[in-house]
Protein backbone atom coordinates (compact mmCIF):
# COMPACT_ATOMS: atom_id res chain seq x y z
CA MET A 1 -15.64 2.34 -23.87
CA ASN A 2 -17.37 4.04 -26.71
CA LYS A 3 -20.64 4.64 -24.86
CA TYR A 4 -18.78 7.16 -22.67
CA SER A 5 -16.87 8.75 -25.53
CA ASP A 6 -19.27 11.64 -26.18
CA SER A 7 -19.51 12.50 -22.49
CA LEU A 8 -15.74 12.57 -22.09
CA LYS A 9 -15.26 14.65 -25.24
CA PHE A 10 -17.78 17.17 -23.99
CA LYS A 11 -15.84 17.49 -20.74
CA ASN A 12 -12.53 17.76 -22.64
CA TYR A 13 -10.73 14.88 -20.93
CA GLY A 14 -10.26 11.16 -21.50
CA MET A 15 -9.60 7.70 -20.15
CA VAL A 16 -7.32 4.76 -20.91
CA GLY A 17 -8.15 1.15 -20.06
CA PHE A 18 -6.09 -2.05 -19.99
CA TYR A 19 -7.90 -5.33 -19.35
CA LYS A 20 -6.21 -8.72 -19.18
CA THR A 21 -8.43 -11.75 -18.83
CA LYS A 22 -7.10 -15.29 -19.35
CA ASN A 23 -4.64 -14.91 -22.23
CA LYS A 24 -6.41 -11.97 -23.84
CA ILE A 25 -5.41 -8.31 -23.50
CA GLN A 26 -7.72 -5.48 -24.53
CA LYS A 27 -6.86 -1.78 -24.54
CA PHE A 28 -9.01 1.26 -25.14
CA ALA A 29 -8.70 5.05 -25.14
CA VAL A 30 -11.57 7.54 -25.31
CA GLY A 31 -11.82 11.31 -25.07
CA TYR A 32 -8.92 13.74 -25.01
CA SER A 33 -5.43 13.73 -23.47
CA ALA A 34 -5.22 17.51 -23.95
CA PRO A 35 -7.45 20.10 -25.59
CA SER A 36 -7.91 19.07 -29.25
CA GLU A 37 -5.62 16.04 -28.78
CA LYS A 38 -7.23 12.59 -28.80
CA MET A 39 -6.42 10.19 -26.01
CA THR A 40 -4.20 7.21 -26.93
CA THR A 41 -3.42 4.06 -24.95
CA ASP A 42 0.26 4.97 -24.49
CA LYS A 43 -0.32 8.23 -22.60
CA VAL A 44 1.45 8.80 -19.28
CA PHE A 45 -0.56 9.81 -16.18
CA ASN A 46 0.31 10.66 -12.61
CA ILE A 47 -0.85 7.57 -10.69
CA GLY A 48 -1.39 9.31 -7.35
CA SER A 49 -1.64 7.03 -4.33
CA LEU A 50 -0.95 3.87 -6.31
CA THR A 51 2.60 5.11 -5.60
CA LYS A 52 2.07 3.75 -2.07
CA THR A 53 2.13 0.16 -3.37
CA PHE A 54 5.54 0.86 -4.96
CA THR A 55 6.80 2.36 -1.71
CA ALA A 56 5.51 -0.63 0.27
CA VAL A 57 7.35 -3.00 -2.08
CA LEU A 58 10.61 -1.08 -1.58
CA ILE A 59 10.18 -1.17 2.21
CA LEU A 60 9.43 -4.90 2.18
CA GLN A 61 12.50 -5.52 0.03
CA GLU A 62 14.52 -3.92 2.84
CA VAL A 63 12.80 -6.21 5.34
CA GLU A 64 13.74 -9.24 3.22
CA LYS A 65 17.36 -8.03 3.14
CA GLY A 66 17.40 -7.68 6.91
CA ASN A 67 17.92 -3.91 6.76
CA LEU A 68 14.54 -3.19 8.37
CA LYS A 69 12.06 -4.85 10.69
CA LEU A 70 8.33 -4.19 10.59
CA ASN A 71 8.46 -3.39 14.32
CA ASP A 72 11.27 -0.84 13.93
CA ARG A 73 10.21 2.47 15.47
CA LEU A 74 10.48 5.99 14.07
CA LYS A 75 13.00 7.00 16.72
CA LEU A 76 15.53 4.72 15.02
CA PHE A 77 15.47 6.99 11.95
CA PHE A 78 14.28 10.30 13.43
CA PRO A 79 16.18 10.79 16.71
CA GLN A 80 14.38 12.99 19.21
CA GLU A 81 17.30 15.39 19.57
CA LEU A 82 17.02 16.18 15.85
CA CYS A 83 13.30 15.70 15.22
CA GLN A 84 11.33 17.61 17.82
CA ASN A 85 7.81 17.74 16.42
CA LYS A 86 5.70 16.83 19.46
CA ASN A 87 2.85 15.77 17.16
CA VAL A 88 4.89 12.74 16.07
CA ASP A 89 5.07 9.75 18.40
CA LEU A 90 8.52 8.34 17.68
CA ASN A 91 7.43 4.91 18.95
CA ILE A 92 5.24 4.44 15.87
CA THR A 93 6.38 1.36 13.91
CA ILE A 94 7.01 0.81 10.22
CA GLU A 95 4.13 -1.66 10.09
CA GLN A 96 1.78 0.92 11.59
CA LEU A 97 2.84 3.37 8.85
CA LEU A 98 2.28 0.75 6.14
CA ARG A 99 -1.18 -0.11 7.49
CA HIS A 100 -2.25 3.51 8.13
CA ARG A 101 -2.57 2.74 11.83
CA SER A 102 -0.10 5.36 13.07
CA GLY A 103 -2.74 7.91 14.05
CA LEU A 104 -0.58 10.67 12.53
CA GLY A 105 -2.15 13.87 11.28
CA GLU A 106 -2.32 14.57 7.53
CA VAL A 107 0.57 16.74 6.30
CA LEU A 108 -0.53 16.70 2.68
CA VAL A 109 -3.63 18.33 1.25
CA ASP A 110 -4.38 16.95 -2.23
CA SER A 111 -6.18 19.94 -3.64
CA LEU A 112 -5.80 22.81 -6.04
CA ALA A 113 -5.62 25.06 -2.98
CA ASN A 114 -2.34 23.45 -1.90
CA LYS A 115 0.19 26.29 -2.00
CA SER A 116 3.00 23.94 -3.03
CA PHE A 117 1.19 22.79 -6.19
CA GLY A 118 1.42 26.08 -8.04
CA ASN A 119 4.53 27.55 -6.45
CA PRO A 120 7.95 26.48 -7.81
CA TYR A 121 9.63 28.49 -5.02
CA PHE A 122 7.87 26.61 -2.24
CA GLU A 123 10.12 25.21 0.48
CA TYR A 124 10.57 21.48 -0.14
CA ASN A 125 12.71 19.75 2.44
CA TYR A 126 12.38 17.07 5.07
CA THR A 127 12.61 19.37 8.07
CA PHE A 128 9.79 21.50 6.73
CA LEU A 129 7.47 18.54 6.12
CA PHE A 130 8.33 16.69 9.33
CA ASN A 131 7.76 19.80 11.41
CA LYS A 132 4.49 20.53 9.60
CA ILE A 133 2.88 17.22 10.63
CA PRO A 134 -0.19 18.38 12.59
CA LYS A 135 -1.73 17.01 15.77
CA PRO A 136 -2.43 13.26 15.65
CA ALA A 137 -5.85 12.05 14.61
CA SER A 138 -5.75 9.18 17.10
CA LYS A 139 -3.39 7.15 19.26
CA PRO A 140 -1.05 4.76 17.41
CA ASN A 141 -2.45 1.35 16.46
CA THR A 142 -6.00 2.08 17.62
CA GLU A 143 -7.67 2.45 14.22
CA TYR A 144 -7.15 2.47 10.46
CA LYS A 145 -7.11 6.02 9.11
CA TYR A 146 -5.76 6.66 5.63
CA CYS A 147 -3.02 9.30 5.77
CA ASN A 148 -0.36 10.37 3.26
CA THR A 149 2.01 11.32 6.09
CA ASN A 150 2.63 7.60 6.71
CA TYR A 151 4.05 6.98 3.26
CA ILE A 152 6.01 10.22 3.12
CA LEU A 153 7.84 9.06 6.26
CA LEU A 154 8.40 5.63 4.68
CA GLY A 155 10.00 7.37 1.71
CA TYR A 156 12.32 9.27 4.05
CA ILE A 157 13.28 6.01 5.78
CA LEU A 158 14.18 4.46 2.42
CA GLU A 159 16.41 7.43 1.64
CA ILE A 160 18.04 7.40 5.08
CA ILE A 161 19.05 3.73 4.98
CA ASN A 162 20.08 3.79 1.30
CA ASP A 163 21.71 7.25 1.37
CA LYS A 164 20.22 8.14 -2.00
CA PRO A 165 17.04 9.76 -3.37
CA TYR A 166 13.76 7.85 -3.46
CA SER A 167 13.65 8.42 -7.23
CA GLU A 168 16.92 6.53 -7.73
CA ILE A 169 15.86 3.65 -5.48
CA LEU A 170 12.59 3.39 -7.41
CA LYS A 171 14.41 3.35 -10.74
CA GLU A 172 17.03 0.79 -9.67
CA ARG A 173 14.69 -1.66 -7.93
CA ILE A 174 11.42 -1.42 -9.84
CA PHE A 175 11.48 0.63 -13.04
CA GLU A 176 14.63 -0.92 -14.54
CA PRO A 177 14.04 -4.57 -13.45
CA CYS A 178 10.48 -4.36 -14.83
CA SER A 179 11.58 -2.58 -18.05
CA MET A 180 9.29 0.33 -17.25
CA LYS A 181 10.66 2.83 -19.76
CA ASN A 182 7.76 5.28 -19.51
CA SER A 183 7.66 5.71 -15.74
CA TYR A 184 8.94 8.56 -13.58
CA ALA A 185 9.13 9.47 -9.90
CA TYR A 186 7.19 12.67 -10.59
CA TYR A 187 4.78 14.39 -12.98
CA SER A 188 6.06 17.05 -15.36
CA LYS A 189 4.43 18.76 -18.32
CA ASN A 190 7.65 18.00 -20.23
CA ILE A 191 7.43 14.20 -19.89
CA LYS A 192 7.10 12.67 -23.34
CA ASN A 193 3.53 11.63 -24.13
CA ILE A 194 2.10 13.02 -20.90
CA ALA A 195 -1.67 13.40 -20.51
CA HIS A 196 -2.60 16.92 -19.47
CA PRO A 197 -4.47 17.35 -16.17
CA ILE A 198 -7.94 18.74 -16.92
CA TYR A 199 -10.30 20.38 -14.42
CA ASN A 200 -13.57 22.08 -15.38
CA ASN A 201 -12.44 21.95 -19.03
CA GLU A 202 -9.27 23.84 -18.07
CA ASP A 203 -5.79 22.52 -18.86
CA LEU A 204 -3.73 22.67 -15.65
CA SER A 205 -0.43 21.52 -17.16
CA ASP A 206 1.09 25.01 -16.83
CA THR A 207 -0.24 25.50 -13.31
CA GLY A 208 1.57 22.81 -11.32
CA PHE A 209 5.27 22.14 -10.96
CA PHE A 210 7.25 18.89 -10.82
CA GLN A 211 8.60 19.73 -7.35
CA PHE A 212 5.13 19.19 -5.89
CA TYR A 213 5.10 15.60 -7.18
CA LYS A 214 8.79 14.77 -6.70
CA ASN A 215 9.43 16.36 -3.31
CA PHE A 216 6.04 16.88 -1.66
CA VAL A 217 3.60 14.09 -2.53
CA PHE A 218 6.79 12.10 -3.13
CA SER A 219 6.58 8.46 -1.99
CA ALA A 220 2.87 8.84 -1.23
CA GLY A 221 1.68 9.94 -4.69
CA GLY A 222 4.39 11.22 -7.01
CA ILE A 223 4.86 8.52 -9.67
CA SER A 224 3.79 8.93 -13.31
CA SER A 225 3.39 5.96 -15.65
CA ASN A 226 1.27 4.49 -18.44
CA SER A 227 -0.95 1.41 -18.57
CA ASP A 228 1.63 -0.77 -20.35
CA ASP A 229 4.26 -0.03 -17.71
CA LEU A 230 1.79 -0.62 -14.90
CA PHE A 231 0.96 -3.98 -16.45
CA LYS A 232 4.69 -4.83 -16.33
CA PHE A 233 4.84 -3.79 -12.68
CA PHE A 234 1.75 -5.77 -11.69
CA THR A 235 2.97 -8.84 -13.61
CA ALA A 236 6.25 -8.78 -11.66
CA PHE A 237 4.60 -7.86 -8.36
CA TYR A 238 1.83 -10.47 -8.41
CA GLY A 239 4.27 -13.00 -9.87
CA TYR A 240 6.56 -12.66 -6.79
CA LYS A 241 9.43 -11.22 -8.84
CA LEU A 242 9.84 -8.10 -6.67
CA ILE A 243 9.11 -9.64 -3.27
CA SER A 244 8.79 -13.26 -2.20
CA LYS A 245 5.52 -15.16 -1.99
CA LYS A 246 5.93 -15.26 1.80
CA THR A 247 6.34 -11.48 1.99
CA PHE A 248 3.40 -10.99 -0.37
CA GLY A 249 1.38 -13.10 2.08
CA LYS A 250 2.19 -10.57 4.83
CA MET A 251 1.25 -7.74 2.49
CA THR A 252 -2.18 -9.28 1.90
CA ASP A 253 -2.82 -10.13 5.54
CA PHE A 254 -5.75 -7.73 5.84
CA GLY A 255 -7.21 -9.03 9.07
CA LYS A 256 -10.59 -7.38 9.60
CA GLU A 257 -9.67 -4.34 7.52
CA LYS A 258 -9.54 -3.71 3.78
CA TYR A 259 -5.98 -2.31 3.90
CA GLY A 260 -2.90 -4.48 4.22
CA LEU A 261 0.71 -3.39 3.70
CA GLY A 262 0.28 -0.88 0.87
CA LEU A 263 -2.51 -2.82 -0.79
CA GLU A 264 -6.32 -2.78 -0.60
CA LYS A 265 -8.83 -5.62 -0.84
CA TYR A 266 -12.16 -5.35 -2.66
CA THR A 267 -15.09 -7.74 -2.91
CA ILE A 268 -16.96 -7.42 -6.22
CA ASN A 269 -19.66 -9.92 -7.20
CA ASN A 270 -18.42 -12.21 -4.41
CA LYS A 271 -14.93 -12.18 -5.95
CA THR A 272 -11.80 -10.88 -4.23
CA TYR A 273 -9.62 -8.27 -5.91
CA PHE A 274 -6.40 -6.56 -4.85
CA GLY A 275 -5.35 -3.06 -5.86
CA HIS A 276 -4.80 0.53 -4.79
CA PRO A 277 -6.63 3.63 -6.04
CA GLY A 278 -4.72 6.75 -7.04
CA ASP A 279 -6.17 10.25 -7.01
CA ASN A 280 -4.11 13.37 -7.38
CA ILE A 281 -4.66 16.82 -8.81
CA SER A 282 -6.65 16.09 -12.00
CA PHE A 283 -5.60 12.44 -12.31
CA ALA A 284 -7.33 9.22 -11.26
CA THR A 285 -6.07 5.63 -11.47
CA ARG A 286 -7.87 2.39 -10.58
CA ASN A 287 -6.59 -1.19 -10.71
CA TYR A 288 -8.13 -4.55 -9.81
CA TYR A 289 -6.35 -7.91 -9.74
CA ASN A 290 -8.19 -11.19 -9.16
CA PRO A 291 -5.73 -13.61 -7.45
CA GLN A 292 -7.81 -16.62 -8.51
CA THR A 293 -8.26 -15.89 -12.22
CA LYS A 294 -5.27 -13.51 -12.54
CA ASP A 295 -7.54 -11.06 -14.39
CA LEU A 296 -6.24 -7.49 -14.23
CA LEU A 297 -8.02 -4.21 -14.95
CA ILE A 298 -6.20 -0.84 -15.11
CA LEU A 299 -8.07 2.44 -15.67
CA MET A 300 -6.45 5.89 -15.93
CA SER A 301 -8.10 9.29 -16.29
CA ASN A 302 -6.79 12.86 -16.61
CA ASN A 303 -9.70 14.56 -14.89
CA TYR A 304 -10.05 15.80 -11.31
CA LYS A 305 -12.65 13.69 -9.52
CA ASP A 306 -13.54 11.65 -12.61
CA THR A 307 -17.12 10.32 -12.48
CA TYR A 308 -16.85 7.69 -15.22
CA ILE A 309 -14.17 5.33 -13.88
CA GLY A 310 -16.63 3.79 -11.41
CA LYS A 311 -19.11 3.21 -14.23
CA VAL A 312 -16.50 1.45 -16.34
CA VAL A 313 -15.53 -0.74 -13.37
CA LYS A 314 -19.15 -1.82 -13.02
CA ASP A 315 -19.42 -2.48 -16.76
CA ILE A 316 -16.40 -4.76 -16.70
CA LEU A 317 -16.20 -6.34 -13.23
CA TYR A 318 -19.80 -6.23 -12.02
CA TYR A 319 -21.48 -7.08 -15.30
CA ASN A 320 -18.64 -9.10 -16.84
CA ASN A 321 -18.76 -7.04 -20.01
CA SER A 322 -15.38 -7.63 -21.61
CA ASN A 323 -16.42 -6.11 -24.89
CA LEU A 324 -14.52 -2.90 -24.21
CA PRO A 325 -14.72 -1.15 -27.58
C-alpha cells in the first residue's frame, strides 16, 4: 500500500501483498527487496512457521493412508534404547505435537544469536537436535504452548516412515502437485528472485547459511516461497485437494483454543479466519482465509520484526479497504 511506501523505503526493506476477494485478485509490492532494488510481487521469501501448516498436511496425508495414527506415540519412532534424552516423554502423541500440547522444551531459538544461523560448519543431525531438547515446559497434554520442537519431531517422523528427506516429500506431495515452481525447502541467497533479509538497514543475505533453514528450522520453519505459489497451495489446501474435507474438519477442530492441527483461528470484525503466521530471521509472513467468503490475504515482508504488516491487515480486514494501491 502506497501510504507505507516512504516508511518502508526509509527502512530499506519492503512488503508484498496478495488479496483475493470474490473473483478479484489484487497484488502490490512496496519498498525494497534488497538495497537499491525495488520490491516486486514475484519475490521469494522464507515463510517461517507457515511451514508448520505444510508439515501438518504431510502428516495428515499419512494418517489418511493408514501409515500413522494421531494417537501414535513417540516411542514408536524414537525407541528408548536409541533415544535416551530424559527430557523427552516418549509417550507424547502425534496429535499432541500437532496441537503444541506436548509440553516439550524449545530446541530452536529463532534469533540472530543462534550459533547455527551464521555457522556453515555447525553440527546438523538428528541425534544432536534430539539430545539438545531441554527440560519440558509442562506435562504432556496439560496446556497449549507453542514450540518448534514439536514440528521438528514431526519432520523426523515423516522421514523415518518414508525413508527419504523431508525436502523430497514436500516436493513430491505439495510443490509438484500444486505447480509451485518457486518454492523450496530452505532459504538460500542463491535462490532465483530471493528477497534479501534486512535488519536495521543491514543486508543479512551473506550472514546466514542454507543449512540453518534446511536442517535446523527444517519442518518447523524452513520453506521459502512467493505469494503466487502460496496462493496455489492455499487454493489446493482449502479446496480439499491435498487432504479430504473430513480430515480438514479435524485440522480445524480448535476446541477452546486458537490452534488446531497446524492451523490457527482468528476472529476479526466478528468474522472467522484461518491461517498461520511465519516469522524467521528477517522475514515475516501473514495469511488469512475466510471460510465463508473464501477471501484470502497473503502478506510477506523481508524485515526482522516488521511493524507494518499488522497495519496493513487492519487496513484490509478490519476496515474493509480493498483499494490496495
